[in-house]
Structure formats: structure tokens, C-alpha cells
Amino acid sequence: MGLPDSMLQCNIHIVDRKWMKRMSPIGVVVQKVVAFQRGEITRHLQRLSPQDRRRRFGTYMSDDAIEHYVTGIDFARDKVFGIFDPVLALTGVVHLALGPDGGTAELGLSVDPEHRGKGYGYTLLNRGKLHAQNLGYKKLYMHCLAENQIMIHLARKAGMQVVTESGEADAHVALNEATYGDLAQEFIGDQVALIDYLLKRQAHWLSS
């Protein structure tokens, strides 16, 4: 005799949450963001204040400019990761631009103001770093304004060397060769992230 559906779902939920806690000590799960979710990326970036937009992109970005930027993301080459809240709105996004030569990966990230100080930015940065390393890239690079002290702090925390000049900052770190442990970590993280997204989607559907 099989378990009732309600009990089975409960057991799966408990197991999944245990895995999520192991994969993300701060209690959030980083998801892969795909092409059909461009709208969520756009809405996240358009929620940023003019000052935060300038810090993220190095210049002011209008709503139209943000929409053009998101439309231009090549999901066949680049990777985007994000953190979804319980109603499936993106609260943080990292765009990993992958160079065609396999040498350098460039990273840019943003987090909604109300979710800062919770470790989201550092978690997103490390997710992008792990993916670039597992793809065999040799260096991770990040550029920001020198006034963006939060981003500079995150870069240094992640082991990146930061050079500041003429009001701008460049951060880079050499990536190690991927190990089986690194590959397994990303694979398991992707499975946990899928389950987390499905659970949030189900809960959102039931509450709507």
C-alpha cells in the first residue's frame, strides 16, 4: 500500500528543505533563470532606483534601456542566476557573460534594496563563480564604480583582487580547475533549485 498523497508531499517537502539548508546556509536557493523569464529580470532591474541602476551598469539606465539590455542577453551563451521570493518575483540576479575564448567570464549582479544585508549578493556571486569554474574558465572579472562599496566588499570577500582608478573599480580572480566535488555541488544545487521553484510555484498557485 502506498502512502497518501498528502503524506508523500509532506515527506518530500521535509527532505527537500533539508537539502536546501545544506546547499544554502542563508536559507535561499539560487535558480537558473532562462529565456522565457526575461520579463522577471526586466521587472527586477526596473525596480532599482536611478542611483542603483547607475551603480549596477556604470551609467544611468532608463526603463527602455533596461528592456533593451535584457532582450539582448544571449541565453545560449551566457548564464543568468537569480533568487525568487515566495511569489516568484526575482529579488536578486547575477548575469554571467561568458567570453567566446573560454578565458574570462564577466559578472554583474544586483539585489533588491529590501533584501540586502542577507547574504544574497555573496551567494549569487559564488554561484556565478562556481559555474564559470566548472565550465573551465580561467578568470572571473567584475567592473563597477568605485563608489559601489557594497560590490567592492563582496568582491574582496569572494577572494577577488580589486584595483580602483579614476572613479572605477576592476575586480578579478583566477579560477581553479574544477574538481568532481565542484561539479557535484553544482549538479545537486540545480536539482534542489528545481524542487524549490516547483514548491514555490505550487504554493503560489494554491494561494491565488
N, C-alpha and C. Protein backbone atom coordinates (compact mmCIF):
# COMPACT_ATOMS: atom_id res chain seq x y z
N MET A 1 0.85 -1.20 0.00
CA MET A 1 0.00 0.00 0.00
C MET A 1 0.88 1.24 0.00
N GLY A 2 0.59 2.17 -0.90
CA GLY A 2 1.38 3.39 -0.98
C GLY A 2 0.93 4.41 0.05
N LEU A 3 1.77 5.42 0.27
CA LEU A 3 1.44 6.49 1.20
C LEU A 3 0.40 7.41 0.58
N PRO A 4 -0.49 8.01 1.40
CA PRO A 4 -1.41 9.01 0.87
C PRO A 4 -0.64 10.16 0.25
N ASP A 5 -1.24 10.78 -0.78
CA ASP A 5 -0.56 11.86 -1.48
C ASP A 5 -0.14 12.97 -0.54
N SER A 6 -0.99 13.32 0.43
CA SER A 6 -0.66 14.42 1.34
C SER A 6 0.56 14.10 2.18
N MET A 7 0.68 12.85 2.64
CA MET A 7 1.83 12.45 3.45
C MET A 7 3.08 12.39 2.59
N LEU A 8 2.93 11.90 1.36
CA LEU A 8 4.08 11.81 0.45
C LEU A 8 4.63 13.20 0.16
N GLN A 9 3.72 14.15 -0.11
CA GLN A 9 4.15 15.51 -0.40
C GLN A 9 4.84 16.12 0.81
N CYS A 10 4.33 15.82 2.00
CA CYS A 10 4.93 16.32 3.23
C CYS A 10 6.35 15.79 3.40
N ASN A 11 6.52 14.48 3.17
CA ASN A 11 7.85 13.87 3.30
C ASN A 11 8.83 14.45 2.31
N ILE A 12 8.37 14.63 1.06
CA ILE A 12 9.25 15.22 0.04
C ILE A 12 9.64 16.62 0.45
N HIS A 13 8.67 17.37 0.97
CA HIS A 13 8.92 18.75 1.39
C HIS A 13 10.00 18.80 2.46
N ILE A 14 9.92 17.90 3.46
CA ILE A 14 10.90 17.89 4.54
C ILE A 14 12.28 17.55 4.02
N VAL A 15 12.37 16.52 3.17
CA VAL A 15 13.66 16.12 2.62
C VAL A 15 14.27 17.25 1.80
N ASP A 16 13.42 17.87 0.95
CA ASP A 16 13.92 18.94 0.09
C ASP A 16 14.45 20.10 0.91
N ARG A 17 13.73 20.48 1.96
CA ARG A 17 14.16 21.60 2.78
C ARG A 17 15.49 21.30 3.47
N LYS A 18 15.71 20.03 3.86
CA LYS A 18 16.99 19.67 4.47
C LYS A 18 18.12 19.85 3.46
N TRP A 19 17.88 19.40 2.22
CA TRP A 19 18.90 19.57 1.19
C TRP A 19 19.15 21.04 0.93
N MET A 20 18.08 21.84 0.89
CA MET A 20 18.24 23.27 0.61
C MET A 20 19.08 23.95 1.69
N LYS A 21 18.87 23.55 2.93
CA LYS A 21 19.63 24.15 4.02
C LYS A 21 21.11 23.81 3.91
N ARG A 22 21.39 22.59 3.46
CA ARG A 22 22.79 22.19 3.28
C ARG A 22 23.43 22.95 2.13
N MET A 23 22.67 23.16 1.05
CA MET A 23 23.21 23.84 -0.12
C MET A 23 23.31 25.34 0.08
N SER A 24 22.43 25.92 0.91
CA SER A 24 22.40 27.37 1.10
C SER A 24 22.20 27.68 2.58
N PRO A 25 23.28 27.93 3.32
CA PRO A 25 23.17 28.19 4.76
C PRO A 25 22.32 29.40 5.09
N ILE A 26 22.19 30.37 4.18
CA ILE A 26 21.41 31.57 4.49
C ILE A 26 19.93 31.35 4.22
N GLY A 27 19.56 30.16 3.73
CA GLY A 27 18.15 29.84 3.59
C GLY A 27 17.51 30.21 2.28
N VAL A 28 18.30 30.57 1.28
CA VAL A 28 17.75 30.84 -0.05
C VAL A 28 18.40 29.92 -1.06
N VAL A 29 17.70 29.71 -2.15
CA VAL A 29 18.20 28.82 -3.20
C VAL A 29 18.36 29.64 -4.48
N VAL A 30 19.49 29.48 -5.14
CA VAL A 30 19.75 30.19 -6.38
C VAL A 30 19.26 29.35 -7.56
N GLN A 31 18.44 29.97 -8.39
CA GLN A 31 17.86 29.30 -9.55
C GLN A 31 18.56 29.71 -10.84
N LYS A 32 18.57 28.81 -11.81
CA LYS A 32 18.91 29.22 -13.17
C LYS A 32 17.73 30.00 -13.74
N VAL A 33 18.01 31.14 -14.34
CA VAL A 33 16.96 31.93 -14.99
C VAL A 33 17.10 31.74 -16.49
N VAL A 34 16.00 31.43 -17.15
CA VAL A 34 16.04 31.08 -18.57
C VAL A 34 15.33 32.13 -19.41
N ALA A 35 15.38 31.93 -20.72
CA ALA A 35 14.95 32.97 -21.65
C ALA A 35 13.49 33.40 -21.46
N PHE A 36 12.60 32.46 -21.15
CA PHE A 36 11.19 32.84 -21.03
C PHE A 36 10.92 33.68 -19.78
N GLN A 37 11.94 33.83 -18.92
CA GLN A 37 11.80 34.64 -17.71
C GLN A 37 12.43 36.02 -17.86
N ARG A 38 12.64 36.45 -19.09
CA ARG A 38 13.21 37.78 -19.32
C ARG A 38 12.36 38.85 -18.62
N GLY A 39 11.05 38.68 -18.63
CA GLY A 39 10.17 39.67 -18.01
C GLY A 39 10.46 39.85 -16.53
N GLU A 40 10.78 38.76 -15.83
CA GLU A 40 11.11 38.85 -14.41
C GLU A 40 12.42 39.61 -14.20
N ILE A 41 13.39 39.37 -15.07
CA ILE A 41 14.67 40.10 -14.98
C ILE A 41 14.42 41.58 -15.19
N THR A 42 13.63 41.91 -16.21
CA THR A 42 13.34 43.30 -16.51
C THR A 42 12.65 43.98 -15.33
N ARG A 43 11.65 43.33 -14.76
CA ARG A 43 10.92 43.92 -13.63
C ARG A 43 11.84 44.13 -12.43
N HIS A 44 12.74 43.17 -12.19
CA HIS A 44 13.69 43.33 -11.08
C HIS A 44 14.57 44.56 -11.30
N LEU A 45 15.15 44.68 -12.47
CA LEU A 45 16.07 45.79 -12.74
C LEU A 45 15.34 47.13 -12.77
N GLN A 46 14.12 47.13 -13.26
CA GLN A 46 13.36 48.39 -13.31
C GLN A 46 12.89 48.84 -11.93
N ARG A 47 12.89 47.94 -10.96
CA ARG A 47 12.57 48.34 -9.59
C ARG A 47 13.72 49.07 -8.92
N LEU A 48 14.92 48.97 -9.47
CA LEU A 48 16.08 49.64 -8.87
C LEU A 48 15.94 51.15 -9.02
N SER A 49 16.43 51.87 -8.03
CA SER A 49 16.41 53.34 -8.08
C SER A 49 17.40 53.83 -9.14
N PRO A 50 17.28 55.09 -9.58
CA PRO A 50 18.26 55.63 -10.54
C PRO A 50 19.70 55.48 -10.07
N GLN A 51 19.94 55.69 -8.78
CA GLN A 51 21.29 55.56 -8.24
C GLN A 51 21.77 54.12 -8.31
N ASP A 52 20.89 53.18 -7.95
CA ASP A 52 21.27 51.76 -8.01
C ASP A 52 21.48 51.30 -9.44
N ARG A 53 20.70 51.82 -10.37
CA ARG A 53 20.91 51.47 -11.79
C ARG A 53 22.29 51.94 -12.25
N ARG A 54 22.68 53.14 -11.83
CA ARG A 54 23.99 53.66 -12.23
C ARG A 54 25.11 52.82 -11.63
N ARG A 55 24.92 52.39 -10.40
CA ARG A 55 25.93 51.56 -9.77
C ARG A 55 26.01 50.18 -10.42
N ARG A 56 24.89 49.65 -10.85
CA ARG A 56 24.87 48.32 -11.47
C ARG A 56 25.50 48.35 -12.86
N PHE A 57 25.17 49.38 -13.66
CA PHE A 57 25.61 49.40 -15.05
C PHE A 57 26.73 50.41 -15.34
N GLY A 58 27.08 51.21 -14.36
CA GLY A 58 28.13 52.20 -14.58
C GLY A 58 27.63 53.48 -15.21
N THR A 59 26.35 53.52 -15.54
CA THR A 59 25.72 54.70 -16.12
C THR A 59 24.22 54.59 -15.85
N TYR A 60 23.51 55.72 -15.98
CA TYR A 60 22.08 55.66 -15.75
C TYR A 60 21.42 54.85 -16.86
N MET A 61 20.43 54.05 -16.49
CA MET A 61 19.69 53.23 -17.45
C MET A 61 18.20 53.54 -17.30
N SER A 62 17.59 53.98 -18.39
CA SER A 62 16.15 54.19 -18.40
C SER A 62 15.43 52.84 -18.45
N ASP A 63 14.11 52.85 -18.27
CA ASP A 63 13.34 51.62 -18.38
C ASP A 63 13.51 50.98 -19.75
N ASP A 64 13.50 51.82 -20.79
CA ASP A 64 13.66 51.30 -22.16
C ASP A 64 15.05 50.69 -22.35
N ALA A 65 16.06 51.34 -21.78
CA ALA A 65 17.43 50.83 -21.90
C ALA A 65 17.57 49.48 -21.19
N ILE A 66 16.93 49.35 -20.05
CA ILE A 66 16.96 48.08 -19.32
C ILE A 66 16.28 46.98 -20.13
N GLU A 67 15.13 47.31 -20.70
CA GLU A 67 14.43 46.32 -21.52
C GLU A 67 15.28 45.90 -22.71
N HIS A 68 15.99 46.85 -23.32
CA HIS A 68 16.86 46.53 -24.45
C HIS A 68 18.02 45.64 -24.00
N TYR A 69 18.59 45.93 -22.82
CA TYR A 69 19.67 45.12 -22.28
C TYR A 69 19.22 43.68 -22.05
N VAL A 70 18.06 43.51 -21.43
CA VAL A 70 17.57 42.16 -21.12
C VAL A 70 17.25 41.41 -22.41
N THR A 71 16.66 42.10 -23.37
CA THR A 71 16.35 41.46 -24.65
C THR A 71 17.61 40.96 -25.33
N GLY A 72 18.72 41.65 -25.10
CA GLY A 72 19.98 41.29 -25.76
C GLY A 72 20.77 40.19 -25.08
N ILE A 73 20.32 39.72 -23.93
CA ILE A 73 21.05 38.64 -23.26
C ILE A 73 20.99 37.37 -24.10
N ASP A 74 22.14 36.81 -24.41
CA ASP A 74 22.23 35.59 -25.21
C ASP A 74 22.23 34.38 -24.27
N PHE A 75 21.06 33.79 -24.06
CA PHE A 75 20.96 32.68 -23.13
C PHE A 75 21.62 31.40 -23.66
N ALA A 76 21.90 31.37 -24.95
CA ALA A 76 22.61 30.21 -25.50
C ALA A 76 24.08 30.23 -25.11
N ARG A 77 24.59 31.41 -24.76
CA ARG A 77 26.00 31.55 -24.40
C ARG A 77 26.15 31.92 -22.92
N ASP A 78 25.50 33.01 -22.51
CA ASP A 78 25.62 33.50 -21.14
C ASP A 78 24.69 32.72 -20.20
N LYS A 79 24.93 32.91 -18.91
CA LYS A 79 24.07 32.30 -17.89
C LYS A 79 23.58 33.38 -16.94
N VAL A 80 22.34 33.20 -16.50
CA VAL A 80 21.74 34.11 -15.53
C VAL A 80 21.22 33.27 -14.37
N PHE A 81 21.52 33.72 -13.16
CA PHE A 81 21.03 33.05 -11.96
C PHE A 81 20.28 34.07 -11.11
N GLY A 82 19.31 33.59 -10.35
CA GLY A 82 18.54 34.52 -9.54
C GLY A 82 17.97 33.87 -8.29
N ILE A 83 17.46 34.71 -7.41
CA ILE A 83 16.78 34.26 -6.20
C ILE A 83 15.33 34.74 -6.28
N PHE A 84 14.41 33.79 -6.25
CA PHE A 84 12.98 34.10 -6.31
C PHE A 84 12.39 34.15 -4.91
N ASP A 85 11.47 35.10 -4.69
CA ASP A 85 10.77 35.14 -3.41
C ASP A 85 9.57 34.19 -3.47
N PRO A 86 8.79 34.06 -2.40
CA PRO A 86 7.69 33.09 -2.39
C PRO A 86 6.63 33.31 -3.47
N VAL A 87 6.51 34.55 -3.99
CA VAL A 87 5.52 34.79 -5.06
C VAL A 87 6.20 34.81 -6.43
N LEU A 88 7.42 34.26 -6.50
CA LEU A 88 8.16 34.07 -7.75
C LEU A 88 8.58 35.37 -8.41
N ALA A 89 8.84 36.39 -7.61
CA ALA A 89 9.45 37.62 -8.12
C ALA A 89 10.95 37.53 -7.86
N LEU A 90 11.75 37.96 -8.81
CA LEU A 90 13.21 37.93 -8.64
C LEU A 90 13.64 39.03 -7.67
N THR A 91 14.37 38.62 -6.64
CA THR A 91 14.87 39.58 -5.66
C THR A 91 16.36 39.87 -5.86
N GLY A 92 17.03 39.04 -6.63
CA GLY A 92 18.44 39.24 -6.92
C GLY A 92 18.81 38.49 -8.18
N VAL A 93 19.70 39.08 -8.98
CA VAL A 93 20.08 38.50 -10.27
C VAL A 93 21.58 38.66 -10.49
N VAL A 94 22.20 37.62 -11.02
CA VAL A 94 23.58 37.71 -11.48
C VAL A 94 23.64 37.27 -12.94
N HIS A 95 24.25 38.11 -13.77
CA HIS A 95 24.42 37.82 -15.20
C HIS A 95 25.89 37.48 -15.41
N LEU A 96 26.14 36.26 -15.86
CA LEU A 96 27.49 35.79 -16.13
C LEU A 96 27.71 35.80 -17.64
N ALA A 97 28.47 36.77 -18.11
CA ALA A 97 28.78 36.88 -19.53
C ALA A 97 30.03 36.06 -19.83
N LEU A 98 29.88 35.07 -20.67
CA LEU A 98 30.94 34.10 -20.93
C LEU A 98 31.66 34.44 -22.22
N GLY A 99 32.95 34.74 -22.11
CA GLY A 99 33.75 35.07 -23.29
C GLY A 99 33.85 33.89 -24.23
N PRO A 100 33.90 34.15 -25.54
CA PRO A 100 33.93 33.06 -26.52
C PRO A 100 35.21 32.23 -26.49
N ASP A 101 36.29 32.81 -25.93
CA ASP A 101 37.56 32.09 -25.93
C ASP A 101 37.72 31.16 -24.73
N GLY A 102 36.75 31.20 -23.82
CA GLY A 102 36.83 30.33 -22.65
C GLY A 102 37.83 30.80 -21.61
N GLY A 103 38.30 32.05 -21.75
CA GLY A 103 39.30 32.56 -20.81
C GLY A 103 38.73 33.33 -19.65
N THR A 104 37.92 34.35 -19.96
CA THR A 104 37.41 35.25 -18.94
C THR A 104 35.89 35.28 -18.93
N ALA A 105 35.31 35.20 -17.74
CA ALA A 105 33.87 35.35 -17.56
C ALA A 105 33.64 36.64 -16.78
N GLU A 106 32.70 37.46 -17.25
CA GLU A 106 32.42 38.73 -16.57
C GLU A 106 31.08 38.64 -15.85
N LEU A 107 31.06 39.19 -14.65
CA LEU A 107 29.90 39.04 -13.79
C LEU A 107 29.34 40.40 -13.39
N GLY A 108 28.00 40.51 -13.41
CA GLY A 108 27.33 41.70 -12.91
C GLY A 108 26.12 41.26 -12.11
N LEU A 109 25.88 41.89 -10.96
CA LEU A 109 24.76 41.45 -10.14
C LEU A 109 24.04 42.61 -9.47
N SER A 110 22.82 42.33 -9.05
CA SER A 110 22.01 43.32 -8.35
C SER A 110 21.05 42.61 -7.41
N VAL A 111 20.70 43.29 -6.32
CA VAL A 111 19.77 42.75 -5.32
C VAL A 111 18.78 43.85 -4.95
N ASP A 112 17.51 43.49 -4.82
CA ASP A 112 16.51 44.45 -4.37
C ASP A 112 16.93 45.06 -3.03
N PRO A 113 16.71 46.36 -2.83
CA PRO A 113 17.14 47.03 -1.59
C PRO A 113 16.64 46.35 -0.32
N GLU A 114 15.38 45.88 -0.33
CA GLU A 114 14.82 45.30 0.89
C GLU A 114 15.41 43.94 1.23
N HIS A 115 16.18 43.37 0.31
CA HIS A 115 16.78 42.06 0.57
C HIS A 115 18.31 42.15 0.73
N ARG A 116 18.83 43.35 0.82
CA ARG A 116 20.28 43.49 1.02
C ARG A 116 20.64 43.25 2.48
N GLY A 117 21.89 42.87 2.69
CA GLY A 117 22.33 42.58 4.04
C GLY A 117 21.97 41.19 4.51
N LYS A 118 21.43 40.35 3.61
CA LYS A 118 21.04 38.99 3.96
C LYS A 118 21.96 37.92 3.36
N GLY A 119 22.98 38.36 2.65
CA GLY A 119 23.90 37.41 2.02
C GLY A 119 23.52 37.02 0.61
N TYR A 120 22.48 37.65 0.04
CA TYR A 120 22.04 37.30 -1.31
C TYR A 120 23.13 37.60 -2.35
N GLY A 121 23.72 38.78 -2.26
CA GLY A 121 24.74 39.17 -3.24
C GLY A 121 25.93 38.23 -3.24
N TYR A 122 26.41 37.88 -2.08
CA TYR A 122 27.55 36.98 -1.97
C TYR A 122 27.20 35.58 -2.48
N THR A 123 25.99 35.13 -2.18
CA THR A 123 25.54 33.82 -2.66
C THR A 123 25.45 33.80 -4.18
N LEU A 124 24.92 34.86 -4.78
CA LEU A 124 24.82 34.95 -6.23
C LEU A 124 26.21 35.01 -6.88
N LEU A 125 27.10 35.79 -6.28
CA LEU A 125 28.46 35.90 -6.82
C LEU A 125 29.14 34.53 -6.83
N ASN A 126 29.03 33.81 -5.73
CA ASN A 126 29.66 32.50 -5.66
C ASN A 126 29.03 31.49 -6.61
N ARG A 127 27.72 31.65 -6.87
CA ARG A 127 27.06 30.73 -7.82
C ARG A 127 27.61 30.97 -9.23
N GLY A 128 27.77 32.24 -9.59
CA GLY A 128 28.34 32.55 -10.89
C GLY A 128 29.79 32.08 -10.99
N LYS A 129 30.52 32.27 -9.93
CA LYS A 129 31.93 31.85 -9.89
C LYS A 129 32.06 30.34 -10.06
N LEU A 130 31.21 29.59 -9.36
CA LEU A 130 31.25 28.13 -9.46
C LEU A 130 30.94 27.67 -10.88
N HIS A 131 29.94 28.29 -11.51
CA HIS A 131 29.56 27.87 -12.86
C HIS A 131 30.69 28.15 -13.84
N ALA A 132 31.29 29.33 -13.75
CA ALA A 132 32.39 29.67 -14.65
C ALA A 132 33.56 28.71 -14.46
N GLN A 133 33.85 28.38 -13.22
CA GLN A 133 34.94 27.44 -12.92
C GLN A 133 34.65 26.07 -13.50
N ASN A 134 33.41 25.60 -13.35
CA ASN A 134 33.06 24.27 -13.84
C ASN A 134 33.06 24.20 -15.36
N LEU A 135 32.89 25.35 -16.03
CA LEU A 135 32.96 25.38 -17.49
C LEU A 135 34.40 25.47 -17.99
N GLY A 136 35.34 25.61 -17.07
CA GLY A 136 36.75 25.66 -17.46
C GLY A 136 37.30 27.04 -17.69
N TYR A 137 36.56 28.08 -17.31
CA TYR A 137 37.08 29.44 -17.47
C TYR A 137 38.22 29.68 -16.49
N LYS A 138 39.16 30.53 -16.92
CA LYS A 138 40.38 30.74 -16.15
C LYS A 138 40.31 31.93 -15.20
N LYS A 139 39.43 32.91 -15.52
CA LYS A 139 39.39 34.12 -14.71
C LYS A 139 37.98 34.67 -14.63
N LEU A 140 37.62 35.18 -13.46
CA LEU A 140 36.35 35.86 -13.26
C LEU A 140 36.64 37.35 -13.11
N TYR A 141 35.88 38.16 -13.84
CA TYR A 141 36.12 39.61 -13.86
C TYR A 141 34.84 40.35 -13.52
N MET A 142 34.98 41.48 -12.83
CA MET A 142 33.84 42.30 -12.50
C MET A 142 34.25 43.77 -12.51
N HIS A 143 33.39 44.61 -13.08
CA HIS A 143 33.66 46.04 -13.16
C HIS A 143 32.53 46.80 -12.48
N CYS A 144 32.87 47.83 -11.71
CA CYS A 144 31.85 48.66 -11.08
C CYS A 144 32.42 50.04 -10.79
N LEU A 145 31.57 50.95 -10.40
CA LEU A 145 32.03 52.26 -9.98
C LEU A 145 32.72 52.16 -8.63
N ALA A 146 33.73 53.01 -8.41
CA ALA A 146 34.48 52.96 -7.16
C ALA A 146 33.60 53.29 -5.96
N GLU A 147 32.51 54.02 -6.20
CA GLU A 147 31.60 54.37 -5.10
C GLU A 147 30.74 53.19 -4.66
N ASN A 148 30.72 52.13 -5.44
CA ASN A 148 29.90 50.97 -5.11
C ASN A 148 30.65 50.10 -4.10
N GLN A 149 30.68 50.58 -2.87
CA GLN A 149 31.45 49.90 -1.84
C GLN A 149 30.87 48.54 -1.47
N ILE A 150 29.57 48.37 -1.63
CA ILE A 150 28.97 47.07 -1.34
C ILE A 150 29.51 46.01 -2.30
N MET A 151 29.56 46.37 -3.59
CA MET A 151 30.05 45.42 -4.57
C MET A 151 31.54 45.14 -4.39
N ILE A 152 32.29 46.18 -4.05
CA ILE A 152 33.72 46.00 -3.82
C ILE A 152 33.95 45.10 -2.60
N HIS A 153 33.15 45.29 -1.57
CA HIS A 153 33.25 44.43 -0.38
C HIS A 153 32.96 42.97 -0.73
N LEU A 154 31.90 42.74 -1.53
CA LEU A 154 31.56 41.38 -1.92
C LEU A 154 32.68 40.74 -2.74
N ALA A 155 33.25 41.54 -3.65
CA ALA A 155 34.34 41.03 -4.50
C ALA A 155 35.53 40.59 -3.65
N ARG A 156 35.91 41.42 -2.71
CA ARG A 156 37.05 41.08 -1.84
C ARG A 156 36.73 39.88 -0.97
N LYS A 157 35.49 39.81 -0.50
CA LYS A 157 35.07 38.67 0.32
C LYS A 157 35.17 37.37 -0.46
N ALA A 158 34.93 37.46 -1.78
CA ALA A 158 34.99 36.28 -2.65
C ALA A 158 36.41 35.99 -3.14
N GLY A 159 37.39 36.72 -2.61
CA GLY A 159 38.78 36.47 -2.97
C GLY A 159 39.26 37.19 -4.21
N MET A 160 38.49 38.17 -4.69
CA MET A 160 38.88 38.90 -5.89
C MET A 160 39.82 40.06 -5.54
N GLN A 161 40.77 40.29 -6.41
CA GLN A 161 41.68 41.43 -6.26
C GLN A 161 41.03 42.65 -6.91
N VAL A 162 40.93 43.74 -6.17
CA VAL A 162 40.24 44.93 -6.65
C VAL A 162 41.24 46.06 -6.88
N VAL A 163 41.17 46.66 -8.07
CA VAL A 163 42.01 47.81 -8.42
C VAL A 163 41.09 48.98 -8.72
N THR A 164 41.28 50.10 -8.01
CA THR A 164 40.44 51.28 -8.19
C THR A 164 41.25 52.39 -8.84
N GLU A 165 40.67 52.99 -9.88
CA GLU A 165 41.36 54.07 -10.60
C GLU A 165 40.33 54.92 -11.34
N SER A 166 40.49 56.24 -11.23
CA SER A 166 39.66 57.21 -11.95
C SER A 166 38.16 56.98 -11.72
N GLY A 167 37.80 56.69 -10.48
CA GLY A 167 36.39 56.54 -10.13
C GLY A 167 35.77 55.21 -10.52
N GLU A 168 36.59 54.28 -11.01
CA GLU A 168 36.07 52.96 -11.40
C GLU A 168 36.88 51.87 -10.72
N ALA A 169 36.30 50.70 -10.60
CA ALA A 169 36.97 49.59 -9.93
C ALA A 169 36.88 48.34 -10.80
N ASP A 170 37.97 47.65 -10.93
CA ASP A 170 38.04 46.37 -11.62
C ASP A 170 38.42 45.28 -10.62
N ALA A 171 37.70 44.19 -10.64
CA ALA A 171 37.99 43.08 -9.74
C ALA A 171 38.18 41.81 -10.56
N HIS A 172 39.14 41.01 -10.18
CA HIS A 172 39.36 39.75 -10.90
C HIS A 172 39.95 38.71 -9.95
N VAL A 173 39.72 37.46 -10.31
CA VAL A 173 40.28 36.37 -9.54
C VAL A 173 40.53 35.20 -10.49
N ALA A 174 41.67 34.54 -10.31
CA ALA A 174 41.96 33.34 -11.10
C ALA A 174 41.11 32.20 -10.59
N LEU A 175 40.53 31.43 -11.51
CA LEU A 175 39.67 30.31 -11.14
C LEU A 175 40.46 29.01 -11.14
N ASN A 176 40.22 28.20 -10.15
CA ASN A 176 40.89 26.91 -10.06
C ASN A 176 40.27 25.92 -11.06
N GLU A 177 40.99 24.88 -11.32
CA GLU A 177 40.44 23.81 -12.15
C GLU A 177 39.34 23.12 -11.37
N ALA A 178 38.23 22.86 -12.03
CA ALA A 178 37.08 22.25 -11.36
C ALA A 178 37.40 20.85 -10.88
N THR A 179 36.88 20.51 -9.71
CA THR A 179 37.03 19.17 -9.16
C THR A 179 35.70 18.43 -9.30
N TYR A 180 35.73 17.13 -9.04
CA TYR A 180 34.49 16.36 -9.05
C TYR A 180 33.52 16.91 -8.00
N GLY A 181 34.08 17.38 -6.89
CA GLY A 181 33.24 17.96 -5.85
C GLY A 181 32.53 19.21 -6.32
N ASP A 182 33.24 20.06 -7.09
CA ASP A 182 32.63 21.27 -7.64
C ASP A 182 31.49 20.93 -8.59
N LEU A 183 31.74 19.96 -9.46
CA LEU A 183 30.72 19.54 -10.42
C LEU A 183 29.50 18.95 -9.72
N ALA A 184 29.76 18.14 -8.68
CA ALA A 184 28.66 17.54 -7.93
C ALA A 184 27.87 18.61 -7.19
N GLN A 185 28.56 19.59 -6.64
CA GLN A 185 27.89 20.67 -5.91
C GLN A 185 26.92 21.42 -6.82
N GLU A 186 27.37 21.71 -8.04
CA GLU A 186 26.50 22.43 -8.97
C GLU A 186 25.34 21.56 -9.42
N PHE A 187 25.61 20.29 -9.69
CA PHE A 187 24.54 19.39 -10.14
C PHE A 187 23.46 19.25 -9.07
N ILE A 188 23.87 19.01 -7.83
CA ILE A 188 22.89 18.85 -6.75
C ILE A 188 22.16 20.17 -6.50
N GLY A 189 22.91 21.27 -6.58
CA GLY A 189 22.29 22.57 -6.40
C GLY A 189 21.20 22.84 -7.42
N ASP A 190 21.43 22.42 -8.66
CA ASP A 190 20.43 22.61 -9.71
C ASP A 190 19.17 21.79 -9.43
N GLN A 191 19.35 20.57 -8.92
CA GLN A 191 18.19 19.73 -8.61
C GLN A 191 17.39 20.31 -7.44
N VAL A 192 18.10 20.76 -6.43
CA VAL A 192 17.43 21.38 -5.28
C VAL A 192 16.70 22.65 -5.72
N ALA A 193 17.33 23.42 -6.60
CA ALA A 193 16.72 24.66 -7.07
C ALA A 193 15.44 24.38 -7.85
N LEU A 194 15.44 23.34 -8.65
CA LEU A 194 14.24 22.99 -9.41
C LEU A 194 13.10 22.63 -8.47
N ILE A 195 13.40 21.83 -7.46
CA ILE A 195 12.37 21.44 -6.49
C ILE A 195 11.86 22.66 -5.74
N ASP A 196 12.78 23.54 -5.34
CA ASP A 196 12.39 24.75 -4.63
C ASP A 196 11.45 25.61 -5.47
N TYR A 197 11.77 25.74 -6.75
CA TYR A 197 10.92 26.55 -7.64
C TYR A 197 9.54 25.94 -7.79
N LEU A 198 9.50 24.61 -7.95
CA LEU A 198 8.21 23.95 -8.11
C LEU A 198 7.36 24.07 -6.85
N LEU A 199 7.99 23.97 -5.68
CA LEU A 199 7.26 24.13 -4.42
C LEU A 199 6.69 25.54 -4.30
N LYS A 200 7.50 26.54 -4.64
CA LYS A 200 7.03 27.93 -4.58
C LYS A 200 5.91 28.16 -5.58
N ARG A 201 6.05 27.57 -6.76
CA ARG A 201 5.02 27.74 -7.77
C ARG A 201 3.71 27.11 -7.33
N GLN A 202 3.81 25.92 -6.72
CA GLN A 202 2.60 25.24 -6.24
C GLN A 202 1.94 26.04 -5.12
N ALA A 203 2.75 26.54 -4.18
CA ALA A 203 2.21 27.32 -3.07
C ALA A 203 1.56 28.60 -3.57
N HIS A 204 2.19 29.25 -4.55
CA HIS A 204 1.64 30.48 -5.11
C HIS A 204 0.32 30.19 -5.83
N TRP A 205 0.28 29.08 -6.55
CA TRP A 205 -0.95 28.71 -7.28
C TRP A 205 -2.08 28.41 -6.31
N LEU A 206 -1.77 27.71 -5.21
CA LEU A 206 -2.80 27.35 -4.23
C LEU A 206 -3.34 28.57 -3.48
N SER A 207 -2.47 29.58 -3.32
CA SER A 207 -2.88 30.77 -2.56
C SER A 207 -3.55 31.83 -3.42
N SER A 208 -3.49 31.66 -4.74
CA SER A 208 -4.06 32.67 -5.64
C SER A 208 -5.51 32.34 -6.01
